Every structure is written in C-alpha cells, then in structure tokens.
N, C-alpha and C. Protein backbone atom coordinates (compact mmCIF):
# COMPACT_ATOMS: atom_id res chain seq x y z
N MET A 1 83.29 -97.52 159.92
CA MET A 1 84.61 -96.81 160.17
C MET A 1 84.94 -97.08 161.57
N ALA A 2 86.26 -97.22 161.79
CA ALA A 2 86.68 -97.45 163.21
C ALA A 2 86.60 -96.22 164.00
N ASN A 3 86.35 -96.40 165.30
CA ASN A 3 86.35 -95.33 166.24
C ASN A 3 87.60 -95.32 167.13
N ILE A 4 88.19 -96.48 167.37
CA ILE A 4 89.30 -96.64 168.22
C ILE A 4 90.56 -96.13 167.57
N LYS A 5 91.43 -95.46 168.31
CA LYS A 5 92.64 -94.85 167.72
C LYS A 5 93.55 -95.85 167.03
N SER A 6 93.69 -97.09 167.69
CA SER A 6 94.62 -98.07 167.08
C SER A 6 94.00 -98.61 165.79
N ASN A 7 92.67 -98.74 165.73
CA ASN A 7 92.05 -99.25 164.49
C ASN A 7 92.14 -98.20 163.40
N LEU A 8 92.09 -96.96 163.69
CA LEU A 8 92.26 -95.90 162.76
C LEU A 8 93.71 -95.97 162.13
N LYS A 9 94.67 -96.17 163.04
CA LYS A 9 96.03 -96.36 162.62
C LYS A 9 96.30 -97.56 161.76
N ARG A 10 95.68 -98.71 162.10
CA ARG A 10 95.81 -99.90 161.32
C ARG A 10 95.19 -99.72 159.88
N ASN A 11 94.01 -99.06 159.88
CA ASN A 11 93.43 -98.82 158.56
C ASN A 11 94.28 -97.99 157.66
N LYS A 12 94.92 -96.99 158.21
CA LYS A 12 95.85 -96.15 157.55
C LYS A 12 97.03 -96.90 157.00
N GLN A 13 97.59 -97.78 157.91
CA GLN A 13 98.72 -98.64 157.46
C GLN A 13 98.30 -99.56 156.37
N ASN A 14 97.11 -100.17 156.53
CA ASN A 14 96.69 -101.11 155.52
C ASN A 14 96.49 -100.46 154.19
N ARG A 15 95.91 -99.26 154.17
CA ARG A 15 95.76 -98.52 152.90
C ARG A 15 97.06 -98.24 152.24
N ALA A 16 98.07 -97.86 153.03
CA ALA A 16 99.40 -97.56 152.51
C ALA A 16 100.10 -98.81 151.88
N ARG A 17 99.93 -99.90 152.68
CA ARG A 17 100.52 -101.17 152.30
C ARG A 17 99.85 -101.66 151.00
N HIS A 18 98.53 -101.54 150.87
CA HIS A 18 97.82 -101.92 149.72
C HIS A 18 98.27 -101.14 148.50
N THR A 19 98.45 -99.88 148.64
CA THR A 19 99.01 -99.05 147.50
C THR A 19 100.30 -99.58 147.01
N VAL A 20 101.27 -99.89 147.90
CA VAL A 20 102.62 -100.41 147.54
C VAL A 20 102.49 -101.77 146.78
N VAL A 21 101.66 -102.67 147.38
CA VAL A 21 101.56 -104.04 146.87
C VAL A 21 100.86 -103.99 145.52
N HIS A 22 99.85 -103.12 145.41
CA HIS A 22 99.09 -103.07 144.18
C HIS A 22 99.92 -102.50 142.99
N SER A 23 100.85 -101.53 143.34
CA SER A 23 101.65 -100.96 142.27
C SER A 23 102.71 -101.98 141.79
N GLN A 24 103.26 -102.74 142.80
CA GLN A 24 104.20 -103.77 142.39
C GLN A 24 103.56 -104.83 141.57
N THR A 25 102.42 -105.33 141.95
CA THR A 25 101.68 -106.35 141.25
C THR A 25 101.34 -105.80 139.78
N SER A 26 100.92 -104.63 139.73
CA SER A 26 100.54 -104.01 138.35
C SER A 26 101.80 -103.93 137.56
N ALA A 27 102.95 -103.53 138.09
CA ALA A 27 104.22 -103.45 137.35
C ALA A 27 104.56 -104.81 136.74
N VAL A 28 104.45 -105.86 137.56
CA VAL A 28 104.73 -107.23 137.12
C VAL A 28 103.84 -107.61 136.00
N LYS A 29 102.55 -107.40 136.16
CA LYS A 29 101.59 -107.75 135.11
C LYS A 29 101.81 -106.98 133.84
N THR A 30 102.10 -105.67 133.89
CA THR A 30 102.38 -104.84 132.78
C THR A 30 103.61 -105.41 131.97
N GLN A 31 104.65 -105.72 132.74
CA GLN A 31 105.92 -106.23 132.04
C GLN A 31 105.69 -107.56 131.40
N ILE A 32 104.86 -108.38 132.06
CA ILE A 32 104.50 -109.69 131.47
C ILE A 32 103.78 -109.51 130.15
N LYS A 33 102.85 -108.62 130.17
CA LYS A 33 102.02 -108.37 128.92
C LYS A 33 102.96 -107.84 127.82
N LYS A 34 103.88 -106.87 128.18
CA LYS A 34 104.83 -106.37 127.14
C LYS A 34 105.69 -107.49 126.56
N THR A 35 106.16 -108.37 127.46
CA THR A 35 107.02 -109.50 127.08
C THR A 35 106.26 -110.45 126.10
N GLN A 36 105.01 -110.75 126.44
CA GLN A 36 104.21 -111.61 125.57
C GLN A 36 103.93 -111.02 124.23
N ALA A 37 103.78 -109.71 124.16
CA ALA A 37 103.56 -109.02 122.95
C ALA A 37 104.82 -108.98 122.00
N SER A 38 105.89 -108.63 122.64
CA SER A 38 107.16 -108.42 121.86
C SER A 38 107.92 -109.70 121.65
N LYS A 39 107.88 -110.56 122.56
CA LYS A 39 108.55 -111.95 122.52
C LYS A 39 110.12 -111.71 122.36
N SER A 40 110.71 -110.69 122.98
CA SER A 40 112.08 -110.44 122.84
C SER A 40 112.81 -110.86 124.16
N GLN A 41 114.06 -111.19 123.96
CA GLN A 41 114.87 -111.61 125.19
C GLN A 41 115.02 -110.42 126.15
N LYS A 42 115.26 -109.25 125.60
CA LYS A 42 115.40 -108.10 126.46
C LYS A 42 114.15 -107.89 127.42
N ASP A 43 113.02 -107.98 126.82
CA ASP A 43 111.81 -107.84 127.65
C ASP A 43 111.69 -109.02 128.56
N LEU A 44 112.09 -110.19 128.18
CA LEU A 44 112.09 -111.31 129.08
C LEU A 44 112.92 -111.13 130.28
N SER A 45 114.13 -110.66 130.10
CA SER A 45 115.01 -110.42 131.26
C SER A 45 114.43 -109.27 132.20
N LEU A 46 113.74 -108.32 131.62
CA LEU A 46 113.17 -107.27 132.41
C LEU A 46 112.04 -107.87 133.22
N ALA A 47 111.25 -108.76 132.67
CA ALA A 47 110.11 -109.41 133.33
C ALA A 47 110.63 -110.26 134.45
N TYR A 48 111.69 -111.05 134.21
CA TYR A 48 112.31 -111.81 135.25
C TYR A 48 112.78 -110.94 136.44
N LYS A 49 113.30 -109.77 136.07
CA LYS A 49 113.78 -108.84 137.12
C LYS A 49 112.56 -108.35 137.97
N LYS A 50 111.48 -108.02 137.35
CA LYS A 50 110.27 -107.55 138.06
C LYS A 50 109.70 -108.69 138.93
N ILE A 51 109.70 -109.86 138.39
CA ILE A 51 109.14 -111.04 139.10
C ILE A 51 110.00 -111.31 140.31
N ASP A 52 111.33 -111.35 140.13
CA ASP A 52 112.25 -111.59 141.28
C ASP A 52 112.15 -110.56 142.29
N SER A 53 111.96 -109.24 141.88
CA SER A 53 111.80 -108.14 142.90
C SER A 53 110.55 -108.34 143.70
N ALA A 54 109.42 -108.72 143.01
CA ALA A 54 108.20 -108.90 143.79
C ALA A 54 108.35 -110.11 144.68
N LEU A 55 109.04 -111.11 144.20
CA LEU A 55 109.25 -112.23 145.11
C LEU A 55 110.02 -111.92 146.39
N ALA A 56 111.15 -111.11 146.17
CA ALA A 56 111.93 -110.74 147.27
C ALA A 56 111.24 -109.84 148.30
N LYS A 57 110.26 -109.09 147.83
CA LYS A 57 109.48 -108.24 148.70
C LYS A 57 108.26 -108.98 149.28
N GLY A 58 108.11 -110.25 148.93
CA GLY A 58 107.05 -111.10 149.56
C GLY A 58 105.66 -110.77 148.90
N ILE A 59 105.71 -110.14 147.70
CA ILE A 59 104.38 -109.83 147.11
C ILE A 59 103.75 -111.03 146.35
N ILE A 60 104.59 -111.87 145.75
CA ILE A 60 104.20 -113.09 145.20
C ILE A 60 105.04 -114.24 145.82
N LYS A 61 104.48 -115.44 145.74
CA LYS A 61 105.17 -116.58 146.34
C LYS A 61 106.16 -117.26 145.28
N GLN A 62 107.02 -118.10 145.83
CA GLN A 62 108.02 -118.72 145.03
C GLN A 62 107.46 -119.56 143.91
N ASN A 63 106.43 -120.26 144.19
CA ASN A 63 105.76 -121.12 143.15
C ASN A 63 105.13 -120.29 142.02
N LYS A 64 104.50 -119.28 142.38
CA LYS A 64 103.97 -118.40 141.42
C LYS A 64 105.02 -117.73 140.51
N ALA A 65 106.07 -117.28 141.15
CA ALA A 65 107.22 -116.73 140.43
C ALA A 65 107.80 -117.74 139.39
N ASP A 66 107.98 -118.87 139.87
CA ASP A 66 108.56 -119.97 138.99
C ASP A 66 107.55 -120.27 137.83
N ARG A 67 106.26 -120.33 138.13
CA ARG A 67 105.27 -120.58 137.08
C ARG A 67 105.23 -119.49 136.05
N LEU A 68 105.28 -118.26 136.51
CA LEU A 68 105.30 -117.13 135.58
C LEU A 68 106.49 -117.08 134.69
N LYS A 69 107.64 -117.35 135.28
CA LYS A 69 108.88 -117.37 134.50
C LYS A 69 108.81 -118.42 133.47
N SER A 70 108.36 -119.65 133.89
CA SER A 70 108.27 -120.82 132.95
C SER A 70 107.36 -120.50 131.77
N ARG A 71 106.22 -119.97 132.04
CA ARG A 71 105.24 -119.66 130.99
C ARG A 71 105.76 -118.58 130.03
N LEU A 72 106.50 -117.59 130.59
CA LEU A 72 107.02 -116.55 129.82
C LEU A 72 108.13 -117.09 128.87
N ALA A 73 108.96 -117.88 129.48
CA ALA A 73 110.05 -118.50 128.65
C ALA A 73 109.50 -119.34 127.46
N LEU A 74 108.41 -120.07 127.70
CA LEU A 74 107.77 -120.84 126.67
C LEU A 74 107.14 -119.96 125.61
N ASN A 75 106.51 -118.85 126.09
CA ASN A 75 105.92 -117.95 125.17
C ASN A 75 106.97 -117.26 124.27
N VAL A 76 108.09 -116.88 124.78
CA VAL A 76 109.16 -116.28 124.01
C VAL A 76 109.80 -117.20 123.06
N ALA A 77 109.97 -118.45 123.47
CA ALA A 77 110.63 -119.46 122.69
C ALA A 77 109.75 -119.83 121.45
N ARG A 78 108.50 -119.70 121.49
CA ARG A 78 107.61 -120.09 120.36
C ARG A 78 107.63 -119.09 119.24
C-alpha cells in the first residue's frame, strides 16, 4: 500500500476509473451476447450503439469495434 499522499490519490483515481471502464466493457459484452442469442435487427442496432459509445469513450479501439460489428452482422445474417 502506498504511503505517499499523491500515490494514495492515484490509487483512488485508478480504482474509480477501473470501475467505469469495467462497467462499460461489461455492458458491451452483455449486449453482444444478447444479440447473438436473439439474432434480431433491434438488438443488433443496440449492440452497435454500445460499441460506438465505448469507442467514443476510448474504452475499446477502432479496429476492435469494427471487428465486433462485423462479426455480429455476420451472426445476425445467418
């Protein structure tokens, strides 16, 4: 555990940031699983929205977002 005041603050900030990032990532994964199970266009658009939101917030990178969207579209089309 950190003893220096600035290190304590950084640890606190990192924990808070981790919570936000983890919840966003979890929401994306949950929506992807829902879409794969139902294979409906409505769920696909919701998944796209979640992925785009995570991309805009810097939680996932552009290439990963494109890859997820592509795979979802293929899954729904089948």
